[in-house]
Amino acid sequence: MRRFSISQVTTLTASFADDLVAYRAAGAEAVGVWELKLPEGGDGEAVERFEACGLGSAAAVPSIPSILPLPLMEGPSEPQERVEAICASLHRLAAFRPSGVVCLTGPAGDRDPDRARDVVVDGLRTIGEEAVLAGVRIGLEPVNRIGGEAWTMISSIPEAVELLETVGRPALGIQFDTWHLWNTETLLDDIEREVARFVGVHVADWREPTRSWADRILPGDGIADLPAILGALDRAGWNGFYDLEIFSDNGTFGNAWPDSLWDVPPDEVARRGREALERVTAARIRAPVDEVSPR
């Protein structure tokens, strides 16, 4: 069985404490801490609860997750303020000893693309230096090119690697996400070549047709070839957590899907998520190991 973890956005409406109870009861081995779940002024108690629950720590996500502003999420409009917020979050999240802290570039928006890239490079350098002081790694996350214009400047592992090599900070790696990368033509080769850079792995499936970026489903319920992708990660030597990360809009981002997993009790979502990963693990690989075809 792969090392199963749950990223806390998967149970968006539950509290930090309730997440820990539900995840452990479902047999998860780790939790991906989201800063938005931490009680204001209650970090000490949250850390104590986390340490007492016995779960490991997968990729953590800061409240301000990107250098350039995200139109769909609140936060400062100036990149420098956002970088400062991310740096502060690194120290806050370090108390949970995560495998990494997720970071997005954000979109260029109205900025000149070259200037936007320079802003991102400078921001990543600052974040990479602060990460060393905080004792954490950074996972730069490529975002799916389908609908990703509002989230990112990079949509593939090679694009992430090119950016990281420009930045040149050893604390920076890659956050792998099956939902974002499943339709990359070179994905399995990318995994084999770059797995050493991965600081975390998020797992979700792609609904067809998908209704929005916040319409992710449990592994095996969609069209992404997760057996092939997860098998490639195994063969490449990934031995970290497989962190279930589900966005399933219940109206929070403007679409109240009637089948939203965010409206399902957290203990049930956690149990169903583990069972889904077990089914994917047991499934025969449906595609050749050297090819994942985009749908």
C-alpha atoms as a PDB file:
ATOM      1  CA  MET A   1       0.000   0.000   0.000  1.00  0.00           C
ATOM      2  CA  ARG A   2       1.307   3.438  -0.886  1.00  0.00           C
ATOM      3  CA  ARG A   3       1.783   5.879   1.978  1.00  0.00           C
ATOM      4  CA  PHE A   4      -1.627   7.573   2.116  1.00  0.00           C
ATOM      5  CA  SER A   5      -2.003  11.169   3.227  1.00  0.00           C
ATOM      6  CA  ILE A   6      -4.801  13.723   3.052  1.00  0.00           C
ATOM      7  CA  SER A   7      -4.339  17.397   2.251  1.00  0.00           C
ATOM      8  CA  GLN A   8      -6.642  19.409   4.495  1.00  0.00           C
ATOM      9  CA  VAL A   9      -8.426  21.272   1.706  1.00  0.00           C
ATOM     10  CA  THR A  10     -10.031  17.903   0.894  1.00  0.00           C
ATOM     11  CA  THR A  11     -12.236  18.368   3.961  1.00  0.00           C
ATOM     12  CA  LEU A  12     -12.547  22.137   3.652  1.00  0.00           C
ATOM     13  CA  THR A  13     -15.426  22.667   6.082  1.00  0.00           C
ATOM     14  CA  ALA A  14     -13.940  20.632   8.958  1.00  0.00           C
ATOM     15  CA  SER A  15     -11.706  22.070  11.662  1.00  0.00           C
ATOM     16  CA  PHE A  16      -8.008  21.323  12.044  1.00  0.00           C
ATOM     17  CA  ALA A  17      -8.702  19.111  15.061  1.00  0.00           C
ATOM     18  CA  ASP A  18     -11.550  17.231  13.364  1.00  0.00           C
ATOM     19  CA  ASP A  19      -9.339  16.595  10.335  1.00  0.00           C
ATOM     20  CA  LEU A  20      -6.738  14.853  12.451  1.00  0.00           C
ATOM     21  CA  VAL A  21      -9.341  12.578  14.035  1.00  0.00           C
ATOM     22  CA  ALA A  22     -10.972  11.711  10.700  1.00  0.00           C
ATOM     23  CA  TYR A  23      -7.699  11.088   8.871  1.00  0.00           C
ATOM     24  CA  ARG A  24      -6.265   8.853  11.536  1.00  0.00           C
ATOM     25  CA  ALA A  25      -9.511   6.856  11.767  1.00  0.00           C
ATOM     26  CA  ALA A  26      -9.390   6.314   7.999  1.00  0.00           C
ATOM     27  CA  GLY A  27      -5.892   4.893   8.201  1.00  0.00           C
ATOM     28  CA  ALA A  28      -4.007   7.848   6.764  1.00  0.00           C
ATOM     29  CA  GLU A  29      -0.326   8.047   7.584  1.00  0.00           C
ATOM     30  CA  ALA A  30       0.045  11.810   7.175  1.00  0.00           C
ATOM     31  CA  VAL A  31      -1.708  15.136   6.791  1.00  0.00           C
ATOM     32  CA  GLY A  32      -0.987  17.979   4.398  1.00  0.00           C
ATOM     33  CA  VAL A  33      -1.416  21.006   6.657  1.00  0.00           C
ATOM     34  CA  TRP A  34      -3.176  24.053   5.225  1.00  0.00           C
ATOM     35  CA  GLU A  35      -2.382  27.295   7.019  1.00  0.00           C
ATOM     36  CA  LEU A  36      -5.981  28.468   6.599  1.00  0.00           C
ATOM     37  CA  LYS A  37      -7.036  25.642   8.930  1.00  0.00           C
ATOM     38  CA  LEU A  38      -4.823  26.818  11.798  1.00  0.00           C
ATOM     39  CA  PRO A  39      -6.766  28.613  14.555  1.00  0.00           C
ATOM     40  CA  GLU A  40      -5.852  32.273  14.950  1.00  0.00           C
ATOM     41  CA  GLY A  41      -3.464  32.564  17.862  1.00  0.00           C
ATOM     42  CA  GLY A  42      -3.692  28.848  18.542  1.00  0.00           C
ATOM     43  CA  ASP A  43      -0.586  27.462  16.857  1.00  0.00           C
ATOM     44  CA  GLY A  44       0.778  25.965  20.059  1.00  0.00           C
ATOM     45  CA  GLU A  45      -2.353  23.902  20.630  1.00  0.00           C
ATOM     46  CA  ALA A  46      -2.468  22.884  16.959  1.00  0.00           C
ATOM     47  CA  VAL A  47       1.134  21.671  17.075  1.00  0.00           C
ATOM     48  CA  GLU A  48       0.407  19.725  20.265  1.00  0.00           C
ATOM     49  CA  ARG A  49      -2.626  18.074  18.674  1.00  0.00           C
ATOM     50  CA  PHE A  50      -0.631  17.266  15.577  1.00  0.00           C
ATOM     51  CA  GLU A  51       2.236  15.710  17.502  1.00  0.00           C
ATOM     52  CA  ALA A  52      -0.157  13.715  19.678  1.00  0.00           C
ATOM     53  CA  CYS A  53      -2.066  12.260  16.724  1.00  0.00           C
ATOM     54  CA  GLY A  54       0.969  10.405  15.406  1.00  0.00           C
ATOM     55  CA  LEU A  55       0.493  11.397  11.753  1.00  0.00           C
ATOM     56  CA  GLY A  56       3.328  12.345   9.460  1.00  0.00           C
ATOM     57  CA  SER A  57       3.488  15.661   7.620  1.00  0.00           C
ATOM     58  CA  ALA A  58       3.088  15.912   3.849  1.00  0.00           C
ATOM     59  CA  ALA A  59       3.175  19.095   1.761  1.00  0.00           C
ATOM     60  CA  ALA A  60       1.891  22.176   3.587  1.00  0.00           C
ATOM     61  CA  VAL A  61       0.084  25.060   1.875  1.00  0.00           C
ATOM     62  CA  PRO A  62       0.411  28.694   3.012  1.00  0.00           C
ATOM     63  CA  SER A  63      -2.532  31.079   3.162  1.00  0.00           C
ATOM     64  CA  ILE A  64      -0.910  33.194   0.441  1.00  0.00           C
ATOM     65  CA  PRO A  65       0.313  30.493  -1.949  1.00  0.00           C
ATOM     66  CA  SER A  66       1.605  32.499  -4.936  1.00  0.00           C
ATOM     67  CA  ILE A  67       4.033  35.274  -5.780  1.00  0.00           C
ATOM     68  CA  LEU A  68       1.772  36.985  -8.314  1.00  0.00           C
ATOM     69  CA  PRO A  69      -1.867  37.623  -7.291  1.00  0.00           C
ATOM     70  CA  LEU A  70      -4.526  34.982  -7.864  1.00  0.00           C
ATOM     71  CA  PRO A  71      -7.796  36.476  -9.153  1.00  0.00           C
ATOM     72  CA  LEU A  72      -9.837  33.779  -7.420  1.00  0.00           C
ATOM     73  CA  MET A  73      -8.273  34.105  -3.963  1.00  0.00           C
ATOM     74  CA  GLU A  74      -7.895  36.962  -1.509  1.00  0.00           C
ATOM     75  CA  GLY A  75      -4.514  38.452  -0.676  1.00  0.00           C
ATOM     76  CA  PRO A  76      -2.207  41.432  -1.283  1.00  0.00           C
ATOM     77  CA  SER A  77      -1.916  42.735  -4.827  1.00  0.00           C
ATOM     78  CA  GLU A  78       1.798  43.592  -4.599  1.00  0.00           C
ATOM     79  CA  PRO A  79       4.209  40.693  -5.197  1.00  0.00           C
ATOM     80  CA  GLN A  80       6.642  41.955  -2.545  1.00  0.00           C
ATOM     81  CA  GLU A  81       3.929  41.816   0.120  1.00  0.00           C
ATOM     82  CA  ARG A  82       2.989  38.332  -1.038  1.00  0.00           C
ATOM     83  CA  VAL A  83       6.596  37.142  -0.841  1.00  0.00           C
ATOM     84  CA  GLU A  84       6.869  38.543   2.681  1.00  0.00           C
ATOM     85  CA  ALA A  85       3.665  36.704   3.647  1.00  0.00           C
ATOM     86  CA  ILE A  86       4.975  33.444   2.183  1.00  0.00           C
ATOM     87  CA  CYS A  87       8.249  33.836   4.084  1.00  0.00           C
ATOM     88  CA  ALA A  88       6.356  34.363   7.343  1.00  0.00           C
ATOM     89  CA  SER A  89       4.255  31.283   6.590  1.00  0.00           C
ATOM     90  CA  LEU A  90       7.388  29.175   6.114  1.00  0.00           C
ATOM     91  CA  HIS A  91       8.339  29.707   9.744  1.00  0.00           C
ATOM     92  CA  ARG A  92       4.780  29.093  10.963  1.00  0.00           C
ATOM     93  CA  LEU A  93       4.381  25.875   8.971  1.00  0.00           C
ATOM     94  CA  ALA A  94       7.883  24.636   9.816  1.00  0.00           C
ATOM     95  CA  ALA A  95       6.577  23.680  13.268  1.00  0.00           C
ATOM     96  CA  PHE A  96       4.664  20.836  11.583  1.00  0.00           C
ATOM     97  CA  ARG A  97       7.812  19.538   9.804  1.00  0.00           C
ATOM     98  CA  PRO A  98       6.213  19.267   6.340  1.00  0.00           C
ATOM     99  CA  SER A  99       7.867  17.473   3.443  1.00  0.00           C
ATOM    100  CA  GLY A 100       7.707  20.831   1.683  1.00  0.00           C
ATOM    101  CA  VAL A 101       5.708  24.042   1.403  1.00  0.00           C
ATOM    102  CA  VAL A 102       3.754  24.555  -1.817  1.00  0.00           C
ATOM    103  CA  CYS A 103       4.348  27.680  -3.885  1.00  0.00           C
ATOM    104  CA  LEU A 104       2.709  28.843  -7.135  1.00  0.00           C
ATOM    105  CA  THR A 105       4.011  31.465  -9.528  1.00  0.00           C
ATOM    106  CA  GLY A 106       0.613  33.061 -10.048  1.00  0.00           C
ATOM    107  CA  PRO A 107      -0.406  34.398 -13.478  1.00  0.00           C
ATOM    108  CA  ALA A 108       1.286  37.200 -15.416  1.00  0.00           C
ATOM    109  CA  GLY A 109      -2.093  38.895 -15.749  1.00  0.00           C
ATOM    110  CA  ASP A 110      -1.728  42.392 -17.193  1.00  0.00           C
ATOM    111  CA  ARG A 111       2.029  42.430 -16.665  1.00  0.00           C
ATOM    112  CA  ASP A 112       4.511  42.070 -19.489  1.00  0.00           C
ATOM    113  CA  PRO A 113       5.351  38.313 -19.513  1.00  0.00           C
ATOM    114  CA  ASP A 114       9.111  38.889 -19.284  1.00  0.00           C
ATOM    115  CA  ARG A 115       8.707  41.357 -16.438  1.00  0.00           C
ATOM    116  CA  ALA A 116       6.321  38.993 -14.653  1.00  0.00           C
ATOM    117  CA  ARG A 117       8.880  36.209 -14.933  1.00  0.00           C
ATOM    118  CA  ASP A 118      11.579  38.473 -13.466  1.00  0.00           C
ATOM    119  CA  VAL A 119       9.291  39.239 -10.516  1.00  0.00           C
ATOM    120  CA  VAL A 120       8.724  35.513  -9.961  1.00  0.00           C
ATOM    121  CA  VAL A 121      12.443  34.721 -10.186  1.00  0.00           C
ATOM    122  CA  ASP A 122      13.296  37.406  -7.640  1.00  0.00           C
ATOM    123  CA  GLY A 123      10.495  36.222  -5.368  1.00  0.00           C
ATOM    124  CA  LEU A 124      11.580  32.598  -5.546  1.00  0.00           C
ATOM    125  CA  ARG A 125      15.139  33.554  -4.684  1.00  0.00           C
ATOM    126  CA  THR A 126      13.965  35.358  -1.573  1.00  0.00           C
ATOM    127  CA  ILE A 127      11.654  32.483  -0.625  1.00  0.00           C
ATOM    128  CA  GLY A 128      14.408  29.937  -1.247  1.00  0.00           C
ATOM    129  CA  GLU A 129      16.787  31.776   1.059  1.00  0.00           C
ATOM    130  CA  GLU A 130      14.130  32.100   3.777  1.00  0.00           C
ATOM    131  CA  ALA A 131      13.307  28.400   3.437  1.00  0.00           C
ATOM    132  CA  VAL A 132      16.860  27.540   4.489  1.00  0.00           C
ATOM    133  CA  LEU A 133      16.456  29.662   7.616  1.00  0.00           C
ATOM    134  CA  ALA A 134      13.104  28.002   8.379  1.00  0.00           C
ATOM    135  CA  GLY A 135      14.458  24.501   7.712  1.00  0.00           C
ATOM    136  CA  VAL A 136      11.892  23.609   5.034  1.00  0.00           C
ATOM    137  CA  ARG A 137      11.863  22.883   1.316  1.00  0.00           C
ATOM    138  CA  ILE A 138       9.688  24.631  -1.263  1.00  0.00           C
ATOM    139  CA  GLY A 139       7.570  22.749  -3.793  1.00  0.00           C
ATOM    140  CA  LEU A 140       6.992  24.869  -6.897  1.00  0.00           C
ATOM    141  CA  GLU A 141       3.759  23.535  -8.383  1.00  0.00           C
ATOM    142  CA  PRO A 142       2.992  23.477 -12.123  1.00  0.00           C
ATOM    143  CA  VAL A 143      -0.726  24.040 -12.766  1.00  0.00           C
ATOM    144  CA  ASN A 144      -2.796  22.392 -15.497  1.00  0.00           C
ATOM    145  CA  ARG A 145      -2.715  24.298 -18.779  1.00  0.00           C
ATOM    146  CA  ILE A 146      -6.488  23.770 -19.070  1.00  0.00           C
ATOM    147  CA  GLY A 147      -7.820  26.733 -17.119  1.00  0.00           C
ATOM    148  CA  GLY A 148      -4.419  27.449 -15.589  1.00  0.00           C
ATOM    149  CA  GLU A 149      -4.119  30.953 -17.021  1.00  0.00           C
ATOM    150  CA  ALA A 150      -5.585  32.361 -13.812  1.00  0.00           C
ATOM    151  CA  TRP A 151      -3.109  30.478 -11.628  1.00  0.00           C
ATOM    152  CA  THR A 152       0.320  30.039 -13.149  1.00  0.00           C
ATOM    153  CA  MET A 153       3.109  30.769 -15.589  1.00  0.00           C
ATOM    154  CA  ILE A 154       4.216  27.123 -15.680  1.00  0.00           C
ATOM    155  CA  SER A 155       2.191  24.012 -16.554  1.00  0.00           C
ATOM    156  CA  SER A 156       4.706  21.175 -16.857  1.00  0.00           C
ATOM    157  CA  ILE A 157       7.666  19.678 -15.064  1.00  0.00           C
ATOM    158  CA  PRO A 158      10.166  20.859 -17.734  1.00  0.00           C
ATOM    159  CA  GLU A 159       8.856  24.421 -17.388  1.00  0.00           C
ATOM    160  CA  ALA A 160       9.233  24.192 -13.609  1.00  0.00           C
ATOM    161  CA  VAL A 161      12.779  22.847 -13.944  1.00  0.00           C
ATOM    162  CA  GLU A 162      13.762  25.653 -16.303  1.00  0.00           C
ATOM    163  CA  LEU A 163      12.481  28.214 -13.810  1.00  0.00           C
ATOM    164  CA  LEU A 164      14.192  26.520 -10.861  1.00  0.00           C
ATOM    165  CA  GLU A 165      17.510  26.419 -12.678  1.00  0.00           C
ATOM    166  CA  THR A 166      17.210  30.137 -13.403  1.00  0.00           C
ATOM    167  CA  VAL A 167      16.481  30.828  -9.735  1.00  0.00           C
ATOM    168  CA  GLY A 168      19.328  28.639  -8.487  1.00  0.00           C
ATOM    169  CA  ARG A 169      18.288  28.031  -4.878  1.00  0.00           C
ATOM    170  CA  PRO A 170      18.784  24.463  -3.552  1.00  0.00           C
ATOM    171  CA  ALA A 171      15.817  24.607  -1.148  1.00  0.00           C
ATOM    172  CA  LEU A 172      13.453  24.805  -4.130  1.00  0.00           C
ATOM    173  CA  GLY A 173      11.951  21.656  -5.613  1.00  0.00           C
ATOM    174  CA  ILE A 174       8.735  20.612  -7.349  1.00  0.00           C
ATOM    175  CA  GLN A 175       5.297  19.789  -5.987  1.00  0.00           C
ATOM    176  CA  PHE A 176       3.894  17.037  -8.209  1.00  0.00           C
ATOM    177  CA  ASP A 177       0.123  16.953  -8.726  1.00  0.00           C
ATOM    178  CA  THR A 178      -1.642  14.286 -10.775  1.00  0.00           C
ATOM    179  CA  TRP A 179      -4.636  16.548 -11.502  1.00  0.00           C
ATOM    180  CA  HIS A 180      -2.408  19.244 -12.937  1.00  0.00           C
ATOM    181  CA  LEU A 181       0.015  17.042 -14.869  1.00  0.00           C
ATOM    182  CA  TRP A 182      -1.934  13.973 -16.031  1.00  0.00           C
ATOM    183  CA  ASN A 183      -2.363  15.301 -19.589  1.00  0.00           C
ATOM    184  CA  THR A 184       1.287  16.226 -20.157  1.00  0.00           C
ATOM    185  CA  GLU A 185       2.484  14.173 -23.136  1.00  0.00           C
ATOM    186  CA  THR A 186       5.975  13.576 -21.710  1.00  0.00           C
ATOM    187  CA  LEU A 187       4.826  12.998 -18.122  1.00  0.00           C
ATOM    188  CA  LEU A 188       6.253   9.544 -17.438  1.00  0.00           C
ATOM    189  CA  ASP A 189       9.628  10.508 -18.859  1.00  0.00           C
ATOM    190  CA  ASP A 190       9.486  13.716 -16.826  1.00  0.00           C
ATOM    191  CA  ILE A 191       8.852  11.709 -13.659  1.00  0.00           C
ATOM    192  CA  GLU A 192      11.785   9.387 -14.251  1.00  0.00           C
ATOM    193  CA  ARG A 193      14.135  12.265 -15.023  1.00  0.00           C
ATOM    194  CA  GLU A 194      13.118  14.722 -12.256  1.00  0.00           C
ATOM    195  CA  VAL A 195      11.722  12.687  -9.341  1.00  0.00           C
ATOM    196  CA  ALA A 196      14.645  13.697  -7.139  1.00  0.00           C
ATOM    197  CA  ARG A 197      13.310  17.255  -7.202  1.00  0.00           C
ATOM    198  CA  PHE A 198       9.856  16.285  -5.892  1.00  0.00           C
ATOM    199  CA  VAL A 199       9.009  17.409  -2.370  1.00  0.00           C
ATOM    200  CA  GLY A 200       5.413  16.184  -2.423  1.00  0.00           C
ATOM    201  CA  VAL A 201       2.801  14.352  -4.498  1.00  0.00           C
ATOM    202  CA  HIS A 202      -0.845  15.442  -4.641  1.00  0.00           C
ATOM    203  CA  VAL A 203      -3.378  12.940  -5.982  1.00  0.00           C
ATOM    204  CA  ALA A 204      -6.801  13.585  -7.534  1.00  0.00           C
ATOM    205  CA  ASP A 205      -8.604  12.451 -10.688  1.00  0.00           C
ATOM    206  CA  TRP A 206      -9.947  14.434 -13.652  1.00  0.00           C
ATOM    207  CA  ARG A 207     -13.691  14.503 -14.285  1.00  0.00           C
ATOM    208  CA  GLU A 208     -14.656  14.450 -17.974  1.00  0.00           C
ATOM    209  CA  PRO A 209     -16.046  16.877 -18.768  1.00  0.00           C
ATOM    210  CA  THR A 210     -14.602  18.868 -15.913  1.00  0.00           C
ATOM    211  CA  ARG A 211     -16.734  21.757 -14.696  1.00  0.00           C
ATOM    212  CA  SER A 212     -14.033  23.983 -13.183  1.00  0.00           C
ATOM    213  CA  TRP A 213     -10.639  23.953 -11.491  1.00  0.00           C
ATOM    214  CA  ALA A 214     -12.496  23.110  -8.252  1.00  0.00           C
ATOM    215  CA  ASP A 215     -14.127  19.961  -9.634  1.00  0.00           C
ATOM    216  CA  ARG A 216     -11.648  17.234  -8.741  1.00  0.00           C
ATOM    217  CA  ILE A 217     -12.709  13.710  -7.914  1.00  0.00           C
ATOM    218  CA  LEU A 218     -11.402  10.695  -6.061  1.00  0.00           C
ATOM    219  CA  PRO A 219      -8.701   8.525  -7.643  1.00  0.00           C
ATOM    220  CA  GLY A 220     -10.149   6.053 -10.126  1.00  0.00           C
ATOM    221  CA  ASP A 221     -13.380   7.998 -10.673  1.00  0.00           C
ATOM    222  CA  GLY A 222     -12.078   9.996 -13.653  1.00  0.00           C
ATOM    223  CA  ILE A 223     -10.126   9.619 -16.882  1.00  0.00           C
ATOM    224  CA  ALA A 224      -6.546  10.273 -15.738  1.00  0.00           C
ATOM    225  CA  ASP A 225      -4.434   7.129 -15.999  1.00  0.00           C
ATOM    226  CA  LEU A 226      -3.474   7.134 -12.341  1.00  0.00           C
ATOM    227  CA  PRO A 227      -2.280   3.508 -12.276  1.00  0.00           C
ATOM    228  CA  ALA A 228       0.317   4.408 -14.917  1.00  0.00           C
ATOM    229  CA  ILE A 229       1.271   7.687 -13.284  1.00  0.00           C
ATOM    230  CA  LEU A 230       1.563   6.336  -9.737  1.00  0.00           C
ATOM    231  CA  GLY A 231       3.351   3.265 -11.064  1.00  0.00           C
ATOM    232  CA  ALA A 232       5.889   5.546 -12.740  1.00  0.00           C
ATOM    233  CA  LEU A 233       6.410   7.388  -9.454  1.00  0.00           C
ATOM    234  CA  ASP A 234       6.977   4.070  -7.680  1.00  0.00           C
ATOM    235  CA  ARG A 235       9.492   2.892 -10.261  1.00  0.00           C
ATOM    236  CA  ALA A 236      11.296   6.218 -10.257  1.00  0.00           C
ATOM    237  CA  GLY A 237      11.875   5.828  -6.531  1.00  0.00           C
ATOM    238  CA  TRP A 238       9.311   8.144  -4.947  1.00  0.00           C
ATOM    239  CA  ASN A 239       8.897   6.920  -1.365  1.00  0.00           C
ATOM    240  CA  GLY A 240       7.061   9.885   0.129  1.00  0.00           C
ATOM    241  CA  PHE A 241       3.368  10.336   0.795  1.00  0.00           C
ATOM    242  CA  TYR A 242       0.596  10.133  -1.784  1.00  0.00           C
ATOM    243  CA  ASP A 243      -1.422  13.100  -0.595  1.00  0.00           C
ATOM    244  CA  LEU A 244      -5.115  13.194  -1.555  1.00  0.00           C
ATOM    245  CA  GLU A 245      -6.003  16.773  -2.519  1.00  0.00           C
ATOM    246  CA  ILE A 246      -9.602  17.393  -3.576  1.00  0.00           C
ATOM    247  CA  PHE A 247     -11.160  20.694  -4.564  1.00  0.00           C
ATOM    248  CA  SER A 248     -14.910  20.099  -4.935  1.00  0.00           C
ATOM    249  CA  ASP A 249     -16.799  23.356  -4.973  1.00  0.00           C
ATOM    250  CA  ASN A 250     -19.801  23.685  -2.677  1.00  0.00           C
ATOM    251  CA  GLY A 251     -20.325  27.341  -3.494  1.00  0.00           C
ATOM    252  CA  THR A 252     -17.109  28.601  -1.891  1.00  0.00           C
ATOM    253  CA  PHE A 253     -15.719  29.507  -5.312  1.00  0.00           C
ATOM    254  CA  GLY A 254     -19.026  30.253  -7.008  1.00  0.00           C
ATOM    255  CA  ASN A 255     -20.285  26.801  -8.048  1.00  0.00           C
ATOM    256  CA  ALA A 256     -22.399  24.767  -5.629  1.00  0.00           C
ATOM    257  CA  TRP A 257     -22.058  21.364  -7.246  1.00  0.00           C
ATOM    258  CA  PRO A 258     -24.798  19.043  -5.922  1.00  0.00           C
ATOM    259  CA  ASP A 259     -22.258  16.215  -5.648  1.00  0.00           C
ATOM    260  CA  SER A 260     -19.602  18.298  -3.891  1.00  0.00           C
ATOM    261  CA  LEU A 261     -17.268  16.240  -1.719  1.00  0.00           C
ATOM    262  CA  TRP A 262     -16.874  19.312   0.480  1.00  0.00           C
ATOM    263  CA  ASP A 263     -20.427  18.675   1.672  1.00  0.00           C
ATOM    264  CA  VAL A 264     -19.631  15.084   2.695  1.00  0.00           C
ATOM    265  CA  PRO A 265     -18.653  14.436   6.345  1.00  0.00           C
ATOM    266  CA  PRO A 266     -14.855  14.443   6.719  1.00  0.00           C
ATOM    267  CA  ASP A 267     -14.636  10.927   8.116  1.00  0.00           C
ATOM    268  CA  GLU A 268     -16.517   9.597   5.082  1.00  0.00           C
ATOM    269  CA  VAL A 269     -14.375  11.538   2.598  1.00  0.00           C
ATOM    270  CA  ALA A 270     -11.226  10.266   4.298  1.00  0.00           C
ATOM    271  CA  ARG A 271     -12.433   6.666   4.231  1.00  0.00           C
ATOM    272  CA  ARG A 272     -13.570   6.868   0.614  1.00  0.00           C
ATOM    273  CA  GLY A 273     -10.276   8.505  -0.346  1.00  0.00           C
ATOM    274  CA  ARG A 274      -8.231   5.708   1.153  1.00  0.00           C
ATOM    275  CA  GLU A 275     -10.399   3.052  -0.494  1.00  0.00           C
ATOM    276  CA  ALA A 276     -10.043   4.857  -3.834  1.00  0.00           C
ATOM    277  CA  LEU A 277      -6.255   4.896  -3.596  1.00  0.00           C
ATOM    278  CA  GLU A 278      -6.269   1.219  -2.673  1.00  0.00           C
ATOM    279  CA  ARG A 279      -8.326   0.427  -5.794  1.00  0.00           C
ATOM    280  CA  VAL A 280      -5.958   2.421  -7.992  1.00  0.00           C
ATOM    281  CA  THR A 281      -2.989   0.681  -6.409  1.00  0.00           C
ATOM    282  CA  ALA A 282      -4.516  -2.718  -7.139  1.00  0.00           C
ATOM    283  CA  ALA A 283      -5.520  -1.837 -10.702  1.00  0.00           C
ATOM    284  CA  ARG A 284      -3.599  -3.167 -13.657  1.00  0.00           C
ATOM    285  CA  ILE A 285      -1.755  -0.402 -15.512  1.00  0.00           C
ATOM    286  CA  ARG A 286      -3.960   0.472 -18.453  1.00  0.00           C
ATOM    287  CA  ALA A 287      -1.387   2.288 -20.587  1.00  0.00           C
ATOM    288  CA  PRO A 288       2.168   1.516 -21.708  1.00  0.00           C
ATOM    289  CA  VAL A 289       4.713   2.568 -19.099  1.00  0.00           C
ATOM    290  CA  ASP A 290       6.377   4.950 -21.532  1.00  0.00           C
ATOM    291  CA  GLU A 291       3.264   6.844 -22.569  1.00  0.00           C
ATOM    292  CA  VAL A 292       0.414   8.792 -21.096  1.00  0.00           C
ATOM    293  CA  SER A 293      -1.865  10.088 -23.827  1.00  0.00           C
ATOM    294  CA  PRO A 294      -3.665  13.408 -23.314  1.00  0.00           C
ATOM    295  CA  ARG A 295      -7.450  13.258 -23.463  1.00  0.00           C
END
